[in-house]
Amino acid sequence: MQIKALVAACAMAASALASAQVSTNVYTGYGTGDGTPFSDLVGTLDTPAITFGTDTGFNWHPFGLFAFGSQSTGALSVAADGTYEFGLTSDDGSSLYIDGVRVIDNGGGHGPLLATGSATLSAGTHSFTVNFFEDYGGASGVDLSLPSGVTVAVPEPSALALMLVGMATVGACARRRQRRG
């Protein structure tokens, strides 16, 4: 019975890794405009989207920090060629880059504020970065709104996660053989 539990735990870990599409680094050192440049990494969060404002009622304080910067990276999956409008709501400053090109500048110290910007994109996958900083107290958070036809890309299961499942299966088979022998 322990073998099945081990294999199931490895499978759940692989599934969690495959569904975490956005990686967010959180820093204690940051600039003003959109938070760049960042320094002094505190930790990393892996999430399916950037909805830190909405998810916390604009009370986002990762790792217990009340003044911090963050940089979120991931990939967007675009269904068809076209021009798409994105939204970035933040308190305080933020920016959105797609394929290294700034699409939204919502910089500076301010309360929750929506800024929009358009990008002409081809069908396929495009990298994105959202920079953010929180300072001055009060509300805190950042949300990235995606237009219809654009989603956060789901990564392929990582080779490491698949290797962990394989190792757990091999280990379980070896223990089973030892018990029989």
Protein backbone atom coordinates (compact mmCIF):
# COMPACT_ATOMS: atom_id res chain seq x y z
CA MET A 1 0.00 0.00 0.00
CA GLN A 2 2.90 2.38 0.68
CA ILE A 3 4.13 1.89 -2.89
CA LYS A 4 0.83 3.09 -4.35
CA ALA A 5 0.87 6.12 -2.06
CA LEU A 6 4.45 6.97 -3.13
CA VAL A 7 3.62 6.70 -6.82
CA ALA A 8 0.45 8.78 -6.32
CA ALA A 9 2.41 11.46 -4.42
CA CYS A 10 4.99 11.65 -7.23
CA ALA A 11 2.22 11.88 -9.84
CA MET A 12 0.56 14.73 -7.89
CA ALA A 13 3.92 16.54 -7.64
CA ALA A 14 4.42 16.19 -11.40
CA SER A 15 0.90 17.48 -12.03
CA ALA A 16 1.46 20.49 -9.75
CA LEU A 17 4.69 21.32 -11.56
CA ALA A 18 2.95 21.07 -14.93
CA SER A 19 0.11 23.41 -13.87
CA ALA A 20 2.34 26.12 -12.38
CA GLN A 21 2.71 28.30 -15.47
CA VAL A 22 3.95 31.60 -14.03
CA SER A 23 7.12 31.93 -11.98
CA THR A 24 7.31 34.99 -9.71
CA ASN A 25 10.52 36.05 -7.99
CA VAL A 26 10.03 38.30 -4.95
CA TYR A 27 12.76 40.74 -3.87
CA THR A 28 13.41 43.12 -0.96
CA GLY A 29 15.41 45.46 -3.22
CA TYR A 30 13.53 47.33 -5.95
CA GLY A 31 13.33 50.59 -7.86
CA THR A 32 10.35 52.91 -8.28
CA GLY A 33 8.73 53.06 -11.79
CA ASP A 34 7.89 49.37 -12.24
CA GLY A 35 10.20 48.03 -9.54
CA THR A 36 13.26 47.45 -11.70
CA PRO A 37 16.06 46.92 -11.00
CA PHE A 38 15.43 44.16 -8.45
CA SER A 39 17.90 42.80 -5.89
CA ASP A 40 18.01 40.50 -2.87
CA LEU A 41 15.79 37.57 -3.87
CA VAL A 42 13.55 36.36 -1.03
CA GLY A 43 11.80 33.48 -2.78
CA THR A 44 9.86 32.24 -5.79
CA LEU A 45 6.15 31.52 -6.24
CA ASP A 46 4.76 29.29 -8.99
CA THR A 47 1.14 30.05 -9.92
CA PRO A 48 -1.26 29.46 -12.84
CA ALA A 49 -1.84 33.21 -13.43
CA ILE A 50 -1.05 36.72 -12.17
CA THR A 51 -4.08 37.58 -10.04
CA PHE A 52 -2.33 38.57 -6.82
CA GLY A 53 -4.53 41.65 -6.32
CA THR A 54 -7.89 39.96 -6.93
CA ASP A 55 -6.95 36.77 -5.05
CA THR A 56 -6.04 38.70 -1.87
CA GLY A 57 -8.45 41.68 -2.03
CA PHE A 58 -5.42 43.85 -2.88
CA ASN A 59 -3.70 42.76 0.30
CA TRP A 60 -0.83 40.78 -1.30
CA HIS A 61 2.20 40.45 0.96
CA PRO A 62 4.28 37.49 -0.24
CA PHE A 63 6.65 36.04 2.34
CA GLY A 64 5.18 38.53 4.87
CA LEU A 65 6.73 41.53 3.08
CA PHE A 66 5.02 44.94 3.06
CA ALA A 67 7.56 46.65 0.77
CA PHE A 68 8.92 44.52 -2.07
CA GLY A 69 9.40 44.05 -5.79
CA SER A 70 8.40 41.10 -7.96
CA GLN A 71 9.10 39.86 -11.44
CA SER A 72 6.73 37.30 -12.98
CA THR A 73 7.64 35.39 -16.12
CA GLY A 74 5.87 32.87 -18.30
CA ALA A 75 4.56 32.26 -21.80
CA LEU A 76 1.36 33.25 -23.56
CA SER A 77 -0.43 31.00 -26.01
CA VAL A 78 -2.03 33.02 -28.82
CA ALA A 79 -4.76 31.30 -30.86
CA ALA A 80 -4.60 33.42 -34.03
CA ASP A 81 -2.65 36.31 -35.56
CA GLY A 82 -4.08 39.64 -34.42
CA THR A 83 -3.87 42.74 -32.27
CA TYR A 84 -4.76 42.07 -28.63
CA GLU A 85 -5.44 44.45 -25.73
CA PHE A 86 -4.03 43.53 -22.33
CA GLY A 87 -4.81 45.00 -18.90
CA LEU A 88 -2.55 45.45 -15.89
CA THR A 89 -4.10 46.52 -12.59
CA SER A 90 -1.63 47.28 -9.83
CA ASP A 91 -0.96 49.08 -6.56
CA ASP A 92 1.83 50.33 -6.80
CA GLY A 93 3.79 50.39 -10.09
CA SER A 94 3.94 47.70 -12.77
CA SER A 95 4.76 46.98 -16.40
CA LEU A 96 4.06 44.26 -18.98
CA TYR A 97 6.57 43.11 -21.59
CA ILE A 98 5.75 40.62 -24.35
CA ASP A 99 8.70 39.17 -26.27
CA GLY A 100 10.86 41.86 -24.62
CA VAL A 101 8.71 44.78 -25.86
CA ARG A 102 6.95 46.98 -23.29
CA VAL A 103 3.20 46.81 -23.86
CA ILE A 104 1.97 48.49 -20.63
CA ASP A 105 3.61 51.05 -18.33
CA ASN A 106 1.60 51.42 -15.11
CA GLY A 107 4.56 52.76 -13.13
CA GLY A 108 4.92 54.84 -10.01
CA GLY A 109 3.29 54.91 -6.61
CA HIS A 110 -0.51 54.81 -6.82
CA GLY A 111 -3.63 53.03 -5.59
CA PRO A 112 -5.16 50.15 -7.58
CA LEU A 113 -5.07 51.44 -11.16
CA LEU A 114 -5.85 49.73 -14.48
CA ALA A 115 -3.63 50.48 -17.48
CA THR A 116 -4.10 48.89 -20.91
CA GLY A 117 -1.95 48.34 -23.94
CA SER A 118 -2.13 46.54 -27.28
CA ALA A 119 0.27 44.13 -28.97
CA THR A 120 0.16 42.64 -32.47
CA LEU A 121 1.01 38.98 -32.05
CA SER A 122 1.30 35.97 -34.33
CA ALA A 123 -0.36 32.67 -33.46
CA GLY A 124 1.83 30.58 -31.18
CA THR A 125 3.76 31.07 -27.97
CA HIS A 126 5.21 34.38 -26.73
CA SER A 127 7.24 35.10 -23.59
CA PHE A 128 6.02 37.69 -21.09
CA THR A 129 7.31 39.50 -18.01
CA VAL A 130 5.36 41.50 -15.44
CA ASN A 131 7.41 43.76 -13.16
CA PHE A 132 5.81 45.14 -9.97
CA PHE A 133 6.69 46.91 -6.76
CA GLU A 134 4.81 47.72 -3.54
CA ASP A 135 5.77 50.54 -1.22
CA TYR A 136 4.09 53.41 0.66
CA GLY A 137 1.67 51.14 2.63
CA GLY A 138 -2.01 50.50 1.94
CA ALA A 139 -3.33 48.22 -0.78
CA SER A 140 -0.97 45.84 -2.58
CA GLY A 141 -1.27 43.59 -5.62
CA VAL A 142 -1.03 43.12 -9.37
CA ASP A 143 -3.36 41.43 -11.88
CA LEU A 144 -2.75 40.67 -15.55
CA SER A 145 -5.92 40.59 -17.68
CA LEU A 146 -5.72 38.56 -20.87
CA PRO A 147 -7.89 39.13 -23.95
CA SER A 148 -10.02 36.44 -25.57
CA GLY A 149 -7.83 34.11 -27.63
CA VAL A 150 -4.81 34.49 -25.34
CA THR A 151 -4.05 32.21 -22.39
CA VAL A 152 -1.10 31.52 -20.14
CA ALA A 153 0.67 28.62 -21.83
CA VAL A 154 0.70 25.31 -19.98
CA PRO A 155 4.26 23.99 -19.91
CA GLU A 156 5.11 20.45 -20.86
CA PRO A 157 5.61 18.27 -17.79
CA SER A 158 9.18 18.87 -16.72
CA ALA A 159 11.76 16.20 -17.32
CA LEU A 160 12.56 16.33 -13.60
CA ALA A 161 8.95 15.60 -12.61
CA LEU A 162 8.76 12.70 -15.04
CA MET A 163 12.08 11.41 -13.77
CA LEU A 164 10.79 11.54 -10.17
CA VAL A 165 7.74 9.48 -11.10
CA GLY A 166 9.97 6.99 -12.91
CA MET A 167 12.38 6.74 -9.98
CA ALA A 168 9.52 6.20 -7.53
CA THR A 169 8.11 3.44 -9.71
CA VAL A 170 11.50 1.71 -10.05
CA GLY A 171 12.10 2.04 -6.30
CA ALA A 172 8.67 0.62 -5.52
CA CYS A 173 9.28 -2.36 -7.82
CA ALA A 174 12.69 -3.01 -6.22
CA ARG A 175 11.20 -2.98 -2.70
CA ARG A 176 8.45 -5.34 -3.81
CA ARG A 177 11.07 -7.77 -5.19
CA GLN A 178 13.09 -7.60 -1.96
CA ARG A 179 10.03 -8.51 0.11
CA ARG A 180 9.26 -11.51 -2.10
CA GLY A 181 12.90 -12.72 -2.19
